[in-house]
N, C-alpha and C. Protein backbone atom coordinates (compact mmCIF):
# COMPACT_ATOMS: atom_id res chain seq x y z
N MET A 1 32.80 -3.37 12.20
CA MET A 1 31.70 -2.94 11.33
C MET A 1 31.53 -1.43 10.92
N PRO A 2 31.47 -0.89 9.42
CA PRO A 2 31.57 0.32 9.58
C PRO A 2 29.96 1.21 9.99
N ALA A 3 30.29 2.51 10.36
CA ALA A 3 28.88 2.99 10.76
C ALA A 3 27.96 2.96 9.36
N THR A 4 26.92 3.29 10.00
CA THR A 4 25.74 2.99 8.95
C THR A 4 25.58 4.29 7.74
N THR A 5 26.38 5.42 8.40
CA THR A 5 26.77 6.38 7.39
C THR A 5 27.46 6.16 6.17
N HIS A 6 28.38 5.17 6.64
CA HIS A 6 29.49 4.65 5.68
C HIS A 6 28.77 4.80 4.05
N ARG A 7 29.53 4.93 3.25
CA ARG A 7 29.03 5.02 1.60
C ARG A 7 28.79 3.52 0.98
N CYS A 8 29.15 2.77 1.62
CA CYS A 8 28.68 1.31 1.06
C CYS A 8 27.47 1.16 1.73
N TRP A 9 26.59 1.64 2.87
CA TRP A 9 25.47 1.28 3.04
C TRP A 9 24.31 2.38 2.35
N ARG A 10 24.75 3.09 1.63
CA ARG A 10 23.94 4.06 0.61
C ARG A 10 23.07 3.30 -0.06
N GLY A 11 21.72 3.22 -0.03
CA GLY A 11 20.80 2.70 -0.79
C GLY A 11 20.49 1.34 -0.15
N CYS A 12 21.06 0.85 0.70
CA CYS A 12 20.72 -0.43 1.36
C CYS A 12 19.75 -0.06 2.26
N ALA A 13 18.59 -0.99 2.65
CA ALA A 13 17.87 -0.72 3.63
C ALA A 13 18.34 -1.42 4.92
N ARG A 14 18.09 -0.56 6.01
CA ARG A 14 18.58 -1.18 7.12
C ARG A 14 17.53 -0.68 8.52
N ARG A 15 17.60 -2.14 9.56
CA ARG A 15 16.91 -1.36 10.55
C ARG A 15 17.93 -1.83 11.87
N ALA A 16 17.54 -1.48 13.24
CA ALA A 16 18.15 -1.81 14.25
C ALA A 16 16.89 -2.43 15.40
N TRP A 17 17.21 -3.36 16.01
CA TRP A 17 16.07 -4.18 17.09
C TRP A 17 17.25 -3.61 18.20
N CYS A 18 16.40 -2.79 19.19
CA CYS A 18 17.09 -2.82 20.72
C CYS A 18 16.20 -3.42 21.65
N CYS A 19 16.92 -4.35 22.22
CA CYS A 19 16.58 -5.28 23.32
C CYS A 19 16.63 -4.19 24.44
N PRO A 20 15.52 -4.45 25.58
CA PRO A 20 15.37 -3.54 26.81
C PRO A 20 16.77 -3.56 27.81
N GLN A 21 17.36 -2.63 28.19
CA GLN A 21 18.51 -2.21 29.20
C GLN A 21 17.66 -1.96 30.52
N PRO A 22 18.01 -2.62 31.49
CA PRO A 22 17.33 -2.36 32.77
C PRO A 22 17.56 -1.09 33.10
N ASP A 23 18.61 -0.40 33.18
CA ASP A 23 19.31 0.67 33.53
C ASP A 23 19.30 1.89 32.43
N GLY A 24 18.89 1.44 31.08
CA GLY A 24 18.95 2.22 30.33
C GLY A 24 20.09 2.86 29.75
N ILE A 25 21.21 1.67 29.94
CA ILE A 25 22.70 1.96 29.53
C ILE A 25 22.98 1.32 28.30
N SER A 26 23.46 1.81 27.23
CA SER A 26 23.60 1.34 25.81
C SER A 26 25.27 1.89 25.38
N HIS A 27 25.75 0.97 24.61
CA HIS A 27 27.08 1.56 24.26
C HIS A 27 28.31 1.23 25.38
N ASN A 28 27.95 0.51 26.17
CA ASN A 28 28.82 0.94 27.25
C ASN A 28 29.06 -0.64 27.99
N PRO A 29 30.38 -0.85 28.67
CA PRO A 29 30.81 -2.15 29.11
C PRO A 29 29.77 -2.59 30.15
N ALA A 30 29.02 -1.63 30.66
CA ALA A 30 28.30 -2.14 31.94
C ALA A 30 26.83 -2.31 31.21
N GLU A 31 26.58 -2.25 30.05
CA GLU A 31 25.16 -2.59 29.28
C GLU A 31 24.77 -4.05 29.90
N HIS A 32 23.52 -4.28 30.03
CA HIS A 32 23.17 -5.83 30.27
C HIS A 32 21.81 -5.93 29.63
N THR A 33 21.67 -7.08 29.00
CA THR A 33 20.42 -7.46 28.75
C THR A 33 20.04 -8.75 29.19
N GLU A 34 18.68 -9.02 29.87
CA GLU A 34 18.31 -10.24 30.25
C GLU A 34 18.43 -11.24 28.93
N PRO A 35 19.06 -12.50 29.13
CA PRO A 35 18.70 -13.56 28.30
C PRO A 35 17.23 -13.72 27.55
N ASP A 36 16.48 -13.71 28.08
CA ASP A 36 14.81 -13.61 27.84
C ASP A 36 14.44 -12.65 26.36
N ASP A 37 15.02 -11.66 26.92
CA ASP A 37 14.74 -10.30 26.36
C ASP A 37 15.66 -10.19 24.85
N LEU A 38 17.00 -10.99 24.79
CA LEU A 38 17.76 -11.36 23.67
C LEU A 38 17.05 -12.44 22.79
N VAL A 39 16.73 -13.23 23.63
CA VAL A 39 15.87 -14.24 23.03
C VAL A 39 14.75 -13.86 22.16
N ALA A 40 13.68 -12.73 22.58
CA ALA A 40 12.59 -12.10 21.82
C ALA A 40 12.89 -11.14 21.11
N GLY A 41 14.43 -10.80 21.18
CA GLY A 41 14.69 -9.65 20.08
C GLY A 41 15.30 -10.77 19.04
N ALA A 42 15.81 -11.64 18.75
CA ALA A 42 16.32 -12.41 18.02
C ALA A 42 14.91 -12.95 17.25
N ASP A 43 13.87 -13.55 17.83
CA ASP A 43 12.83 -14.30 17.22
C ASP A 43 12.27 -12.99 16.35
N VAL A 44 12.33 -11.40 17.20
CA VAL A 44 11.87 -10.65 16.10
C VAL A 44 12.74 -10.30 14.78
N LEU A 45 13.66 -10.51 14.70
CA LEU A 45 14.65 -10.64 13.80
C LEU A 45 14.29 -11.53 12.73
N LEU A 46 14.32 -12.96 13.11
CA LEU A 46 13.87 -14.15 12.56
C LEU A 46 12.83 -14.02 11.87
N GLN A 47 11.54 -13.40 12.66
CA GLN A 47 10.05 -13.18 12.33
C GLN A 47 10.23 -12.41 10.87
N THR A 48 10.96 -11.27 11.02
CA THR A 48 11.01 -10.29 10.03
C THR A 48 11.24 -10.72 8.75
N ILE A 49 12.68 -11.74 8.85
CA ILE A 49 13.49 -12.10 7.97
C ILE A 49 12.33 -13.34 6.85
N LEU A 50 12.01 -14.00 7.86
CA LEU A 50 10.91 -14.98 7.29
C LEU A 50 9.90 -14.22 6.47
N THR A 51 9.13 -12.92 7.07
CA THR A 51 8.37 -12.34 6.40
C THR A 51 8.73 -11.75 5.40
N LEU A 52 9.80 -11.26 5.23
CA LEU A 52 10.21 -10.52 3.93
C LEU A 52 10.63 -11.61 2.80
N ASP A 53 11.26 -12.48 3.08
CA ASP A 53 11.46 -13.97 2.34
C ASP A 53 10.10 -14.19 1.49
N ARG A 54 9.23 -14.77 2.40
CA ARG A 54 7.85 -14.66 1.85
C ARG A 54 7.34 -13.93 0.86
N MET A 55 7.49 -12.62 1.29
CA MET A 55 6.97 -11.58 0.38
C MET A 55 7.64 -11.78 -1.07
N VAL A 56 8.84 -11.82 -0.82
CA VAL A 56 9.54 -11.99 -2.17
C VAL A 56 9.29 -13.10 -2.91
N LEU A 57 8.99 -14.24 -2.42
CA LEU A 57 8.93 -15.41 -3.12
C LEU A 57 7.37 -15.06 -3.76
N GLU A 58 6.56 -14.54 -3.12
CA GLU A 58 5.32 -14.39 -3.58
C GLU A 58 5.14 -13.46 -4.45
N SER A 59 6.02 -12.71 -4.76
CA SER A 59 6.07 -11.31 -5.81
C SER A 59 6.36 -12.09 -6.89
N ASP A 60 7.47 -13.02 -6.83
CA ASP A 60 8.12 -13.58 -7.68
C ASP A 60 7.20 -14.94 -8.39
N GLY A 61 6.06 -14.90 -7.81
CA GLY A 61 5.12 -16.02 -8.10
C GLY A 61 5.97 -17.72 -7.64
N LEU A 62 6.42 -17.69 -6.70
CA LEU A 62 7.10 -18.70 -6.13
C LEU A 62 6.72 -19.32 -5.10
N ASP A 63 5.76 -18.96 -4.48
CA ASP A 63 4.98 -19.07 -3.20
C ASP A 63 4.44 -20.60 -3.10
N ARG A 64 4.58 -21.31 -3.98
CA ARG A 64 3.99 -22.72 -3.95
C ARG A 64 4.79 -23.53 -2.92
């Protein structure tokens, strides 16, 4: 995947979710995240997508 500074990402809204790392290690083969933290991070992403989808539907008058 290209870096977020790549020109194809210009003008595209983007966010990153970070899950806790017990040792603070990131972008390293030794990085480890507990399964429950991964599930919690995925749930945050899901809820964000559902909220944004609902906002788009409401703005288009399709929230029925």
